[in-house]
């Protein structure tokens, strides 16, 4: 496994692509607890005003908050606005 990570790191450095993105892992950016962007994602599993379940390369991510609104769900990028309260990896079989 270490060899694979080293190879990905070399490829990522050579191509100027962040290591996480080159490995299919999500990059999660939170701006001031009012906006969140995940790139790439593998789709929405559920959406309610206080909880969003998103499939990622790491597993199922639960985003909890208040007045959550989907701003963008296109070409691998998901953007939410609202009051971001917590992020939690959850068992995908629980939902």
N, C-alpha and C. Protein backbone atom coordinates (compact mmCIF):
# COMPACT_ATOMS: atom_id res chain seq x y z
N UNK A 1 0.82 -1.19 0.00
CA UNK A 1 0.00 0.00 0.00
C UNK A 1 0.87 1.26 0.00
N UNK A 2 1.99 1.20 0.71
CA UNK A 2 2.88 2.34 0.76
C UNK A 2 3.43 2.68 -0.62
N UNK A 3 3.73 1.64 -1.40
CA UNK A 3 4.23 1.84 -2.75
C UNK A 3 3.21 2.53 -3.64
N UNK A 4 1.94 2.17 -3.47
CA UNK A 4 0.87 2.79 -4.25
C UNK A 4 0.77 4.27 -3.90
N UNK A 5 0.82 4.61 -2.61
CA UNK A 5 0.74 6.00 -2.18
C UNK A 5 1.92 6.81 -2.71
N UNK A 6 3.11 6.22 -2.67
CA UNK A 6 4.28 6.91 -3.21
C UNK A 6 4.15 7.14 -4.70
N UNK A 7 3.65 6.14 -5.42
CA UNK A 7 3.46 6.29 -6.87
C UNK A 7 2.44 7.38 -7.17
N UNK A 8 1.33 7.40 -6.41
CA UNK A 8 0.32 8.45 -6.59
C UNK A 8 0.89 9.82 -6.29
N UNK A 9 1.71 9.90 -5.25
CA UNK A 9 2.31 11.19 -4.89
C UNK A 9 3.22 11.68 -6.01
N UNK A 10 4.01 10.79 -6.61
CA UNK A 10 4.89 11.18 -7.71
C UNK A 10 4.07 11.64 -8.91
N UNK A 11 3.03 10.87 -9.25
CA UNK A 11 2.17 11.25 -10.39
C UNK A 11 1.46 12.56 -10.13
N UNK A 12 0.98 12.73 -8.91
CA UNK A 12 0.27 13.95 -8.55
C UNK A 12 1.19 15.15 -8.68
N UNK A 13 2.42 15.02 -8.18
CA UNK A 13 3.37 16.12 -8.25
C UNK A 13 3.73 16.45 -9.68
N UNK A 14 3.87 15.45 -10.51
CA UNK A 14 4.25 15.67 -11.89
C UNK A 14 3.14 16.32 -12.70
N UNK A 15 1.90 16.06 -12.32
CA UNK A 15 0.79 16.58 -13.11
C UNK A 15 0.11 17.79 -12.47
N UNK A 16 0.58 18.23 -11.33
CA UNK A 16 0.02 19.37 -10.61
C UNK A 16 -1.43 19.13 -10.17
N UNK A 17 -1.81 17.86 -10.02
CA UNK A 17 -3.14 17.51 -9.51
C UNK A 17 -2.96 17.16 -8.04
N UNK A 18 -3.80 17.72 -7.15
CA UNK A 18 -3.69 17.38 -5.74
C UNK A 18 -3.78 15.87 -5.53
N UNK A 19 -2.99 15.34 -4.59
CA UNK A 19 -2.92 13.90 -4.34
C UNK A 19 -4.30 13.30 -4.09
N UNK A 20 -5.13 13.94 -3.28
CA UNK A 20 -6.45 13.41 -2.97
C UNK A 20 -7.31 13.25 -4.20
N UNK A 21 -7.28 14.24 -5.08
CA UNK A 21 -8.09 14.17 -6.29
C UNK A 21 -7.59 13.10 -7.23
N UNK A 22 -6.26 12.92 -7.31
CA UNK A 22 -5.73 11.91 -8.20
C UNK A 22 -6.05 10.51 -7.68
N UNK A 23 -6.30 10.36 -6.40
CA UNK A 23 -6.63 9.06 -5.82
C UNK A 23 -8.14 8.86 -5.72
N UNK A 24 -8.93 9.83 -6.20
CA UNK A 24 -10.38 9.71 -6.13
C UNK A 24 -10.96 10.11 -4.78
N UNK A 25 -10.12 10.63 -3.90
CA UNK A 25 -10.59 11.04 -2.58
C UNK A 25 -11.16 12.44 -2.65
N UNK A 26 -12.17 12.73 -1.82
CA UNK A 26 -12.81 14.04 -1.90
C UNK A 26 -11.98 15.15 -1.27
N UNK A 27 -12.07 16.32 -1.87
CA UNK A 27 -11.53 17.53 -1.25
C UNK A 27 -12.75 18.26 -0.70
N UNK A 28 -12.73 18.55 0.59
CA UNK A 28 -13.85 19.20 1.25
C UNK A 28 -13.39 20.57 1.72
N UNK A 29 -14.07 21.62 1.24
CA UNK A 29 -13.74 22.99 1.62
C UNK A 29 -14.94 23.60 2.33
N UNK A 30 -14.67 24.19 3.51
CA UNK A 30 -15.72 24.87 4.27
C UNK A 30 -15.34 26.34 4.34
N UNK A 31 -16.28 27.20 4.00
CA UNK A 31 -16.04 28.64 4.01
C UNK A 31 -16.90 29.29 5.08
N UNK A 32 -16.27 29.65 6.19
CA UNK A 32 -16.96 30.39 7.23
C UNK A 32 -18.16 29.71 7.84
N UNK A 33 -18.22 28.40 7.81
CA UNK A 33 -19.33 27.62 8.36
C UNK A 33 -20.66 27.91 7.67
N UNK A 34 -20.63 28.59 6.51
CA UNK A 34 -21.86 28.90 5.77
C UNK A 34 -21.88 28.29 4.37
N UNK A 35 -20.76 27.74 3.94
CA UNK A 35 -20.72 27.12 2.61
C UNK A 35 -19.74 25.95 2.64
N UNK A 36 -20.08 24.90 1.89
CA UNK A 36 -19.26 23.70 1.84
C UNK A 36 -19.22 23.22 0.40
N UNK A 37 -18.03 22.83 -0.05
CA UNK A 37 -17.85 22.29 -1.39
C UNK A 37 -17.13 20.96 -1.28
N UNK A 38 -17.64 19.94 -1.98
CA UNK A 38 -17.02 18.63 -2.05
C UNK A 38 -16.74 18.33 -3.51
N UNK A 39 -15.48 17.93 -3.78
CA UNK A 39 -15.10 17.63 -5.16
C UNK A 39 -14.03 16.54 -5.15
N UNK A 40 -14.16 15.44 -5.78
CA UNK A 40 -15.35 14.95 -6.47
C UNK A 40 -16.27 14.25 -5.48
N UNK A 41 -17.50 14.04 -5.88
CA UNK A 41 -18.44 13.23 -5.10
C UNK A 41 -19.02 12.18 -6.03
N UNK A 42 -19.71 11.22 -5.46
CA UNK A 42 -20.28 10.13 -6.26
C UNK A 42 -21.80 10.13 -6.24
N UNK A 43 -22.38 11.24 -5.81
CA UNK A 43 -23.83 11.36 -5.84
C UNK A 43 -24.44 11.61 -4.48
N UNK A 44 -25.66 12.12 -4.51
CA UNK A 44 -26.43 12.36 -3.30
C UNK A 44 -27.18 11.09 -2.93
N UNK A 45 -27.20 10.76 -1.67
CA UNK A 45 -27.95 9.60 -1.19
C UNK A 45 -29.27 10.06 -0.58
N UNK A 46 -29.26 11.23 0.09
CA UNK A 46 -30.48 11.78 0.70
C UNK A 46 -30.26 13.27 0.93
N UNK A 47 -31.38 14.01 0.94
CA UNK A 47 -31.31 15.44 1.19
C UNK A 47 -32.54 15.87 1.97
N UNK A 48 -32.30 16.56 3.07
CA UNK A 48 -33.36 17.19 3.85
C UNK A 48 -32.79 18.54 4.28
N UNK A 49 -33.59 19.41 4.80
CA UNK A 49 -33.12 20.74 5.16
C UNK A 49 -32.04 20.74 6.23
N UNK A 50 -31.94 19.66 7.02
CA UNK A 50 -30.95 19.63 8.10
C UNK A 50 -29.89 18.54 7.95
N UNK A 51 -29.98 17.72 6.89
CA UNK A 51 -29.02 16.64 6.69
C UNK A 51 -28.89 16.31 5.21
N UNK A 52 -27.65 16.16 4.77
CA UNK A 52 -27.36 15.76 3.39
C UNK A 52 -26.41 14.58 3.46
N UNK A 53 -26.74 13.50 2.76
CA UNK A 53 -25.86 12.33 2.67
C UNK A 53 -25.24 12.30 1.29
N UNK A 54 -23.91 12.26 1.25
CA UNK A 54 -23.17 12.32 -0.01
C UNK A 54 -22.23 11.12 -0.10
N UNK A 55 -22.26 10.41 -1.23
CA UNK A 55 -21.31 9.33 -1.49
C UNK A 55 -19.98 9.95 -1.90
N UNK A 56 -18.89 9.51 -1.27
CA UNK A 56 -17.55 9.99 -1.62
C UNK A 56 -16.61 8.80 -1.79
N UNK A 57 -15.40 9.07 -2.20
CA UNK A 57 -14.39 8.03 -2.33
C UNK A 57 -13.99 7.43 -0.99
N UNK A 58 -14.31 8.12 0.10
CA UNK A 58 -14.01 7.61 1.44
C UNK A 58 -15.19 6.85 2.04
N UNK A 59 -16.37 7.04 1.49
CA UNK A 59 -17.58 6.43 2.04
C UNK A 59 -18.71 7.44 2.06
N UNK A 60 -19.68 7.20 2.92
CA UNK A 60 -20.86 8.04 3.00
C UNK A 60 -20.63 9.16 4.01
N UNK A 61 -20.78 10.40 3.55
CA UNK A 61 -20.56 11.58 4.39
C UNK A 61 -21.91 12.20 4.72
N UNK A 62 -22.14 12.41 6.03
CA UNK A 62 -23.36 13.07 6.50
C UNK A 62 -23.00 14.50 6.88
N UNK A 63 -23.64 15.46 6.24
CA UNK A 63 -23.45 16.88 6.55
C UNK A 63 -24.69 17.34 7.26
N UNK A 64 -24.53 17.79 8.49
CA UNK A 64 -25.67 18.28 9.27
C UNK A 64 -25.58 19.79 9.39
N UNK A 65 -26.75 20.42 9.37
CA UNK A 65 -26.78 21.87 9.47
C UNK A 65 -28.20 22.38 9.53
N UNK A 66 -28.34 23.66 9.38
CA UNK A 66 -29.65 24.31 9.39
C UNK A 66 -29.83 25.06 8.08
N UNK A 67 -31.01 24.98 7.53
CA UNK A 67 -31.36 25.68 6.29
C UNK A 67 -30.37 25.37 5.16
N UNK A 68 -30.01 24.09 5.05
CA UNK A 68 -29.06 23.69 4.00
C UNK A 68 -29.73 23.77 2.63
N UNK A 69 -29.00 24.34 1.68
CA UNK A 69 -29.50 24.51 0.32
C UNK A 69 -28.44 24.03 -0.65
N UNK A 70 -28.85 23.22 -1.62
CA UNK A 70 -27.92 22.79 -2.67
C UNK A 70 -27.75 23.92 -3.67
N UNK A 71 -26.53 24.36 -3.87
CA UNK A 71 -26.24 25.42 -4.83
C UNK A 71 -25.76 24.86 -6.16
N UNK A 72 -25.05 23.73 -6.10
CA UNK A 72 -24.48 23.15 -7.31
C UNK A 72 -24.28 21.66 -7.11
N UNK A 73 -24.71 20.85 -8.07
CA UNK A 73 -24.45 19.42 -8.09
C UNK A 73 -24.15 19.07 -9.54
N UNK A 74 -22.98 19.45 -9.98
CA UNK A 74 -22.65 19.24 -11.39
C UNK A 74 -21.21 18.75 -11.53
N UNK A 75 -21.00 17.91 -12.50
CA UNK A 75 -19.69 17.37 -12.88
C UNK A 75 -18.76 17.13 -11.69
N UNK A 76 -19.25 16.37 -10.73
CA UNK A 76 -18.40 15.96 -9.63
C UNK A 76 -18.26 16.95 -8.50
N UNK A 77 -18.84 18.14 -8.62
CA UNK A 77 -18.75 19.14 -7.55
C UNK A 77 -20.11 19.32 -6.90
N UNK A 78 -20.10 19.34 -5.58
CA UNK A 78 -21.32 19.60 -4.82
C UNK A 78 -21.06 20.81 -3.94
N UNK A 79 -21.97 21.77 -3.96
CA UNK A 79 -21.84 22.98 -3.13
C UNK A 79 -23.12 23.17 -2.34
N UNK A 80 -22.96 23.30 -1.01
CA UNK A 80 -24.07 23.54 -0.09
C UNK A 80 -23.88 24.87 0.60
N UNK A 81 -24.98 25.54 0.88
CA UNK A 81 -24.92 26.73 1.73
C UNK A 81 -25.91 26.53 2.87
N UNK A 82 -25.74 27.30 3.90
CA UNK A 82 -26.55 27.21 5.11
C UNK A 82 -25.62 27.17 6.30
N UNK A 83 -26.14 26.88 7.46
CA UNK A 83 -25.30 26.79 8.66
C UNK A 83 -24.76 25.37 8.77
N UNK A 84 -23.47 25.20 8.54
CA UNK A 84 -22.82 23.88 8.62
C UNK A 84 -22.52 23.61 10.09
N UNK A 85 -23.08 22.52 10.62
CA UNK A 85 -22.90 22.18 12.03
C UNK A 85 -21.88 21.06 12.21
N UNK A 86 -21.99 20.00 11.39
CA UNK A 86 -21.05 18.89 11.55
C UNK A 86 -20.92 18.08 10.26
N UNK A 87 -19.78 17.37 10.17
CA UNK A 87 -19.51 16.41 9.10
C UNK A 87 -19.20 15.09 9.78
N UNK A 88 -19.76 14.01 9.26
CA UNK A 88 -19.55 12.71 9.89
C UNK A 88 -19.58 11.61 8.83
N UNK A 89 -18.59 10.72 8.89
CA UNK A 89 -18.61 9.53 8.03
C UNK A 89 -19.53 8.53 8.70
N UNK A 90 -20.48 7.96 7.92
CA UNK A 90 -21.45 7.05 8.51
C UNK A 90 -21.45 5.71 7.76
N UNK A 91 -21.99 4.71 8.40
CA UNK A 91 -22.12 3.39 7.80
C UNK A 91 -23.14 3.47 6.68
N UNK A 92 -22.71 3.17 5.47
CA UNK A 92 -23.61 3.32 4.31
C UNK A 92 -24.76 2.33 4.36
N UNK A 93 -24.67 1.28 5.16
CA UNK A 93 -25.77 0.33 5.27
C UNK A 93 -26.85 0.80 6.24
N UNK A 94 -26.56 1.87 6.98
CA UNK A 94 -27.53 2.38 7.94
C UNK A 94 -28.60 3.22 7.24
N UNK A 95 -28.34 3.62 5.98
CA UNK A 95 -29.29 4.49 5.27
C UNK A 95 -29.80 3.84 4.03
